[in-house]
N, C-alpha and C. Protein backbone atom coordinates (compact mmCIF):
# COMPACT_ATOMS: atom_id res chain seq x y z
N UNK A 1 183.01 108.81 21.25
CA UNK A 1 182.15 109.64 21.61
C UNK A 1 180.66 109.92 21.23
N UNK A 2 179.68 109.47 22.05
CA UNK A 2 178.22 109.35 20.96
C UNK A 2 177.61 110.88 20.53
N UNK A 3 176.94 111.14 19.73
CA UNK A 3 176.48 112.44 19.80
C UNK A 3 175.32 112.73 20.03
N UNK A 4 174.69 113.47 20.62
CA UNK A 4 173.20 114.09 21.16
C UNK A 4 172.07 113.30 20.07
N UNK A 5 172.24 112.50 19.09
CA UNK A 5 171.22 111.98 18.54
C UNK A 5 171.08 110.40 18.86
N UNK A 6 172.37 110.45 19.01
CA UNK A 6 172.97 109.06 19.54
C UNK A 6 172.13 108.74 20.98
N UNK A 7 172.30 109.45 21.65
CA UNK A 7 171.95 109.44 23.31
C UNK A 7 170.72 109.87 23.52
N UNK A 8 170.05 110.07 22.83
CA UNK A 8 168.29 110.78 22.41
C UNK A 8 167.95 109.11 22.22
N UNK A 9 168.43 108.23 20.92
CA UNK A 9 167.86 107.70 21.16
C UNK A 9 168.16 106.22 21.68
N UNK A 10 169.00 106.82 22.37
CA UNK A 10 169.10 105.67 23.96
C UNK A 10 168.28 105.62 24.87
N UNK A 11 168.11 107.31 25.12
CA UNK A 11 167.34 107.41 26.02
C UNK A 11 165.75 107.24 25.67
N UNK A 12 165.28 107.22 24.79
CA UNK A 12 164.53 106.86 24.20
C UNK A 12 163.92 104.72 24.40
N UNK A 13 164.85 104.36 24.25
CA UNK A 13 165.58 103.00 23.89
C UNK A 13 164.70 102.87 26.19
N UNK A 14 165.86 103.62 26.86
CA UNK A 14 165.83 103.21 28.06
C UNK A 14 164.54 103.68 29.01
N UNK A 15 163.77 104.12 28.04
CA UNK A 15 162.17 105.03 28.91
C UNK A 15 161.00 103.45 28.61
N UNK A 16 161.69 102.71 26.92
CA UNK A 16 160.60 101.84 26.67
C UNK A 16 161.10 100.99 27.19
N UNK A 17 161.75 100.45 27.87
CA UNK A 17 162.33 99.11 28.47
C UNK A 17 161.77 99.75 30.06
N UNK A 18 162.05 100.52 30.65
CA UNK A 18 161.16 101.52 32.15
C UNK A 18 159.55 101.21 32.67
N UNK A 19 159.30 101.42 31.32
CA UNK A 19 158.16 101.40 30.84
C UNK A 19 157.56 99.96 30.94
N UNK A 20 157.96 99.37 30.53
CA UNK A 20 157.37 97.53 29.91
C UNK A 20 157.70 97.04 31.52
N UNK A 21 159.18 97.27 32.61
CA UNK A 21 159.40 96.49 33.39
C UNK A 21 157.91 97.38 34.48
N UNK A 22 157.65 98.36 34.59
CA UNK A 22 156.64 99.31 35.00
C UNK A 22 155.53 98.19 34.88
N UNK A 23 155.00 97.85 33.78
CA UNK A 23 153.39 97.56 33.48
C UNK A 23 153.81 95.56 33.90
N UNK A 24 154.77 95.10 33.62
CA UNK A 24 155.48 94.21 34.73
C UNK A 24 155.08 93.83 36.02
N UNK A 25 155.40 95.12 36.83
CA UNK A 25 155.48 94.89 37.87
C UNK A 25 153.74 95.07 38.29
N UNK A 26 152.96 95.81 37.63
CA UNK A 26 151.59 96.06 37.63
C UNK A 26 150.72 94.59 37.47
N UNK A 27 151.27 94.52 36.34
CA UNK A 27 150.31 92.89 35.95
C UNK A 27 150.96 91.79 37.12
N UNK A 28 152.11 91.78 37.82
CA UNK A 28 151.82 90.82 39.16
C UNK A 28 151.10 91.36 40.27
N UNK A 29 151.00 92.49 40.43
CA UNK A 29 150.13 92.55 41.57
C UNK A 29 149.09 92.51 41.24
N UNK A 30 148.32 92.59 39.90
CA UNK A 30 147.28 91.79 39.54
C UNK A 30 146.61 90.77 39.61
N UNK A 31 147.75 90.16 39.83
CA UNK A 31 147.72 87.79 39.77
C UNK A 31 147.70 88.01 40.97
N UNK A 32 148.50 88.54 41.79
CA UNK A 32 148.37 88.76 43.55
C UNK A 32 147.46 88.80 44.22
N UNK A 33 146.66 90.12 43.35
CA UNK A 33 145.23 90.47 44.09
C UNK A 33 144.06 89.61 42.90
N UNK A 34 144.35 89.06 42.57
CA UNK A 34 143.21 87.51 42.00
C UNK A 34 143.10 86.86 42.90
N UNK A 35 144.85 86.24 43.18
CA UNK A 35 145.32 84.84 43.68
C UNK A 35 144.63 85.25 45.34
N UNK A 36 144.56 85.95 45.69
CA UNK A 36 144.27 86.70 47.03
C UNK A 36 142.44 86.47 47.29
N UNK A 37 142.20 86.87 46.51
CA UNK A 37 140.69 86.84 46.30
C UNK A 37 139.77 86.02 46.31
N UNK A 38 140.71 84.49 46.02
CA UNK A 38 139.96 83.18 45.87
C UNK A 38 140.49 82.60 46.71
N UNK A 39 141.37 82.45 47.62
CA UNK A 39 141.55 81.70 48.47
C UNK A 39 141.52 82.13 49.80
N UNK A 40 141.29 81.63 51.13
CA UNK A 40 141.13 82.12 52.20
C UNK A 40 142.44 82.16 53.16
N UNK A 41 142.89 83.53 53.49
CA UNK A 41 143.53 84.50 54.34
C UNK A 41 144.18 83.71 55.81
N UNK A 42 144.45 82.34 55.90
CA UNK A 42 144.65 82.47 57.36
C UNK A 42 146.34 82.35 57.92
N UNK A 43 147.14 81.43 57.54
CA UNK A 43 148.44 81.22 57.30
C UNK A 43 149.42 82.51 57.65
N UNK A 44 149.76 82.53 58.69
CA UNK A 44 150.59 83.98 59.33
C UNK A 44 151.94 83.79 58.10
N UNK A 45 152.64 82.57 57.79
CA UNK A 45 153.76 82.71 56.75
C UNK A 45 153.49 83.12 55.34
N UNK A 46 151.70 82.53 55.33
CA UNK A 46 151.67 82.88 54.07
C UNK A 46 151.38 84.71 53.73
N UNK A 47 151.05 85.25 55.15
CA UNK A 47 150.85 86.51 55.04
C UNK A 47 151.98 87.64 55.08
N UNK A 48 152.72 86.50 55.95
CA UNK A 48 154.07 87.25 55.90
C UNK A 48 154.64 87.23 54.07
N UNK A 49 154.87 86.84 54.02
CA UNK A 49 155.36 86.40 52.59
C UNK A 49 154.29 87.55 51.41
N UNK A 50 153.57 87.35 51.34
CA UNK A 50 152.52 88.51 50.53
C UNK A 50 153.00 89.61 50.43
N UNK A 51 153.07 90.05 52.42
CA UNK A 51 153.34 91.59 52.55
C UNK A 51 154.81 91.40 51.81
N UNK A 52 155.87 90.63 52.22
CA UNK A 52 157.66 91.06 51.43
C UNK A 52 157.29 91.43 50.45
N UNK A 53 156.94 90.63 49.22
CA UNK A 53 157.06 90.29 48.00
C UNK A 53 155.75 91.66 48.03
N UNK A 54 155.10 92.10 48.26
CA UNK A 54 154.84 93.47 47.79
C UNK A 54 155.49 94.40 48.76
N UNK A 55 156.09 94.81 49.74
CA UNK A 55 157.17 95.69 49.92
C UNK A 55 158.10 95.90 48.65
N UNK A 56 159.10 94.73 48.24
CA UNK A 56 159.63 94.67 47.28
C UNK A 56 159.34 95.14 45.88
N UNK A 57 157.66 95.10 45.47
CA UNK A 57 157.23 95.44 44.03
C UNK A 57 156.82 96.93 44.50
N UNK A 58 156.34 97.57 45.95
CA UNK A 58 156.27 99.36 45.68
C UNK A 58 157.59 99.31 46.01
N UNK A 59 159.05 99.13 46.04
CA UNK A 59 160.53 99.79 46.19
C UNK A 59 161.15 100.01 44.96
N UNK A 60 160.85 98.37 44.42
CA UNK A 60 161.24 98.37 42.62
C UNK A 60 160.54 99.41 42.07
N UNK A 61 159.04 99.62 42.11
CA UNK A 61 158.23 100.23 41.45
C UNK A 61 158.52 101.97 41.76
N UNK A 62 158.42 102.22 42.61
CA UNK A 62 159.58 103.20 43.40
C UNK A 62 160.61 103.12 42.23
N UNK A 63 161.56 103.06 42.69
CA UNK A 63 162.83 103.16 41.80
C UNK A 63 162.55 103.03 40.33
N UNK A 64 162.10 102.39 39.74
CA UNK A 64 161.94 102.44 38.40
C UNK A 64 161.07 103.84 37.92
N UNK A 65 160.31 104.34 38.43
CA UNK A 65 159.47 105.14 38.39
C UNK A 65 160.65 106.61 38.26
N UNK A 66 160.72 106.72 39.45
CA UNK A 66 161.81 107.68 39.51
C UNK A 66 162.54 107.84 38.49
N UNK A 67 163.23 106.51 37.76
CA UNK A 67 164.70 106.47 36.87
C UNK A 67 163.72 106.94 35.67
N UNK A 68 161.95 106.50 35.42
CA UNK A 68 161.81 106.77 34.30
C UNK A 68 161.30 108.28 34.25
N UNK A 69 161.45 109.41 35.83
CA UNK A 69 161.28 110.30 35.19
C UNK A 69 162.16 111.10 34.49
N UNK A 70 163.49 110.62 35.49
CA UNK A 70 164.58 111.04 34.84
C UNK A 70 164.79 111.25 33.71
N UNK A 71 165.07 110.06 32.76
CA UNK A 71 164.56 109.60 31.63
C UNK A 71 164.05 110.62 30.87
N UNK A 72 162.76 111.04 31.26
CA UNK A 72 161.98 111.60 30.64
C UNK A 72 162.45 113.28 30.46
N UNK A 73 162.40 113.90 31.76
CA UNK A 73 163.01 114.96 31.92
C UNK A 73 163.94 115.13 30.92
N UNK A 74 165.30 114.45 31.01
CA UNK A 74 166.27 114.63 30.24
C UNK A 74 165.76 114.39 28.34
N UNK A 75 164.67 113.87 28.02
CA UNK A 75 164.16 113.86 26.90
C UNK A 75 163.06 115.09 26.28
N UNK A 76 162.68 115.67 27.16
CA UNK A 76 162.07 117.41 27.58
C UNK A 76 163.13 118.09 26.86
N UNK A 77 164.17 117.96 27.87
CA UNK A 77 165.68 118.68 27.68
C UNK A 77 165.64 118.72 25.96
N UNK A 78 166.13 117.79 26.04
CA UNK A 78 166.32 117.14 24.31
C UNK A 78 165.35 118.01 23.20
N UNK A 79 164.73 118.10 23.18
CA UNK A 79 163.39 118.43 22.77
C UNK A 79 163.50 120.22 22.75
N UNK A 80 163.99 120.69 24.46
CA UNK A 80 163.13 122.07 24.51
C UNK A 80 165.12 122.90 23.87
N UNK A 81 165.72 121.95 23.41
CA UNK A 81 167.03 122.95 23.12
C UNK A 81 168.22 122.77 24.24
N UNK A 82 168.07 122.40 25.43
CA UNK A 82 168.69 122.38 26.56
C UNK A 82 169.51 121.06 27.13
N UNK A 83 169.49 119.96 26.72
CA UNK A 83 170.11 119.05 26.83
C UNK A 83 171.36 119.19 26.56
N UNK A 84 172.46 118.52 27.69
CA UNK A 84 173.80 118.94 27.83
C UNK A 84 173.99 120.05 28.91
N UNK A 85 173.07 120.39 29.06
CA UNK A 85 172.91 121.81 29.77
C UNK A 85 173.07 121.51 31.94
N UNK A 86 173.73 121.92 32.94
CA UNK A 86 173.20 121.57 34.11
C UNK A 86 171.87 121.83 34.42
N UNK A 87 171.04 121.97 34.84
CA UNK A 87 169.80 122.29 35.40
C UNK A 87 170.69 123.10 36.99
N UNK A 88 171.50 123.14 37.55
CA UNK A 88 171.63 124.19 38.56
C UNK A 88 172.87 125.26 38.25
N UNK A 89 173.98 125.13 37.48
CA UNK A 89 174.61 126.12 37.15
C UNK A 89 174.37 126.48 35.45
N UNK A 90 173.26 125.46 34.92
CA UNK A 90 173.50 125.93 33.47
C UNK A 90 174.77 125.83 32.88
N UNK A 91 176.04 125.44 33.11
CA UNK A 91 177.27 125.74 32.26
C UNK A 91 177.05 124.00 31.56
N UNK A 92 177.94 123.54 30.95
CA UNK A 92 177.23 122.19 30.09
C UNK A 92 178.07 121.17 30.81
N UNK A 93 177.30 119.90 30.58
CA UNK A 93 177.54 118.93 31.29
C UNK A 93 178.64 117.88 30.70
N UNK A 94 179.60 117.82 30.76
CA UNK A 94 180.78 116.77 30.25
C UNK A 94 180.29 116.02 29.65
N UNK A 95 180.98 115.81 28.21
CA UNK A 95 180.55 114.50 27.58
C UNK A 95 180.90 113.18 27.89
N UNK A 96 181.94 113.26 28.58
CA UNK A 96 182.19 111.84 29.16
C UNK A 96 181.15 111.16 30.38
N UNK A 97 180.44 112.24 30.75
CA UNK A 97 179.31 111.49 31.69
C UNK A 97 178.03 112.01 31.26
N UNK A 98 177.45 112.64 29.42
CA UNK A 98 176.49 112.18 28.76
C UNK A 98 176.46 110.66 28.61
N UNK A 99 177.90 110.80 28.27
CA UNK A 99 177.94 109.04 27.10
C UNK A 99 177.83 107.87 28.31
N UNK A 100 178.44 108.10 29.30
CA UNK A 100 178.28 107.43 30.65
C UNK A 100 177.23 107.22 31.21
N UNK A 101 175.63 108.72 31.19
CA UNK A 101 174.52 108.69 31.92
C UNK A 101 173.81 109.96 31.20
N UNK A 102 173.45 108.91 30.25
CA UNK A 102 172.44 109.88 28.73
C UNK A 102 171.27 111.03 29.50
N UNK A 103 170.64 110.53 30.67
CA UNK A 103 169.96 110.98 31.82
C UNK A 103 170.32 112.00 32.14
N UNK A 104 171.41 112.37 32.69
CA UNK A 104 172.59 113.32 33.29
C UNK A 104 171.79 114.48 33.20
N UNK A 105 171.54 115.43 34.79
CA UNK A 105 170.86 116.51 34.02
C UNK A 105 171.59 117.68 35.32
N UNK A 106 172.92 117.17 35.66
CA UNK A 106 173.62 117.89 36.59
C UNK A 106 174.73 117.63 36.28
N UNK A 107 176.19 118.70 36.26
CA UNK A 107 177.23 118.21 35.86
C UNK A 107 178.20 117.64 36.77
N UNK A 108 179.62 117.30 37.14
CA UNK A 108 179.90 116.52 37.47
C UNK A 108 180.50 117.05 39.29
N UNK A 109 180.20 118.48 38.91
CA UNK A 109 180.49 119.36 40.16
C UNK A 109 179.16 120.05 40.83
N UNK A 110 178.00 119.90 40.14
CA UNK A 110 176.92 120.22 40.83
C UNK A 110 176.20 118.64 42.09
N UNK A 111 176.56 117.83 41.58
CA UNK A 111 176.08 116.13 41.31
C UNK A 111 176.95 115.98 42.81
N UNK A 112 178.56 116.09 42.76
CA UNK A 112 179.19 116.37 44.22
C UNK A 112 179.02 116.50 45.21
N UNK A 113 178.30 117.85 44.80
CA UNK A 113 177.77 118.98 45.75
C UNK A 113 176.41 118.43 46.36
N UNK A 114 175.61 117.82 45.18
CA UNK A 114 174.35 117.52 45.39
C UNK A 114 174.61 116.41 46.87
N UNK A 115 175.45 115.24 46.52
CA UNK A 115 175.78 114.08 46.91
C UNK A 115 176.58 114.80 48.49
N UNK A 116 177.43 115.11 47.64
CA UNK A 116 177.79 115.92 49.62
C UNK A 116 176.85 116.41 50.60
N UNK A 117 176.07 117.25 50.01
CA UNK A 117 174.98 117.79 50.95
C UNK A 117 173.56 116.98 51.27
N UNK A 118 173.49 115.80 50.59
CA UNK A 118 172.58 114.67 51.44
C UNK A 118 173.11 114.59 52.28
N UNK A 119 174.01 113.90 52.48
CA UNK A 119 175.28 112.88 53.41
C UNK A 119 175.00 113.82 54.65
N UNK A 120 175.17 115.14 54.50
CA UNK A 120 175.24 115.92 55.31
C UNK A 120 174.19 115.78 56.64
N UNK A 121 172.96 116.08 55.79
CA UNK A 121 171.32 116.34 56.40
C UNK A 121 171.25 115.02 56.80
């Protein structure tokens, strides 16, 4: 089992990776914008492809931003001394769960309840 300091290092590494990927997406978007400015936009196929690529970038950006927010929240919990405690019930999060998902903020029981409620809604 990893100790809390090892899990914090994993969280910081994941934070850097996610920030890098988000920066890459922004750079790709800038390049696409620059290419559009210089060329006439008339073909439907090009427009459809650009729209599809934009939608993919937006979805990926949203997913990565959400993951980054989870990682930052876990780091904040570590710094405040509440890392490893469930946000909902305040009980300790299972060590195996933290080992698998260092950014977990809910114990298995609360996460299961959250997922069950999401399926019902």
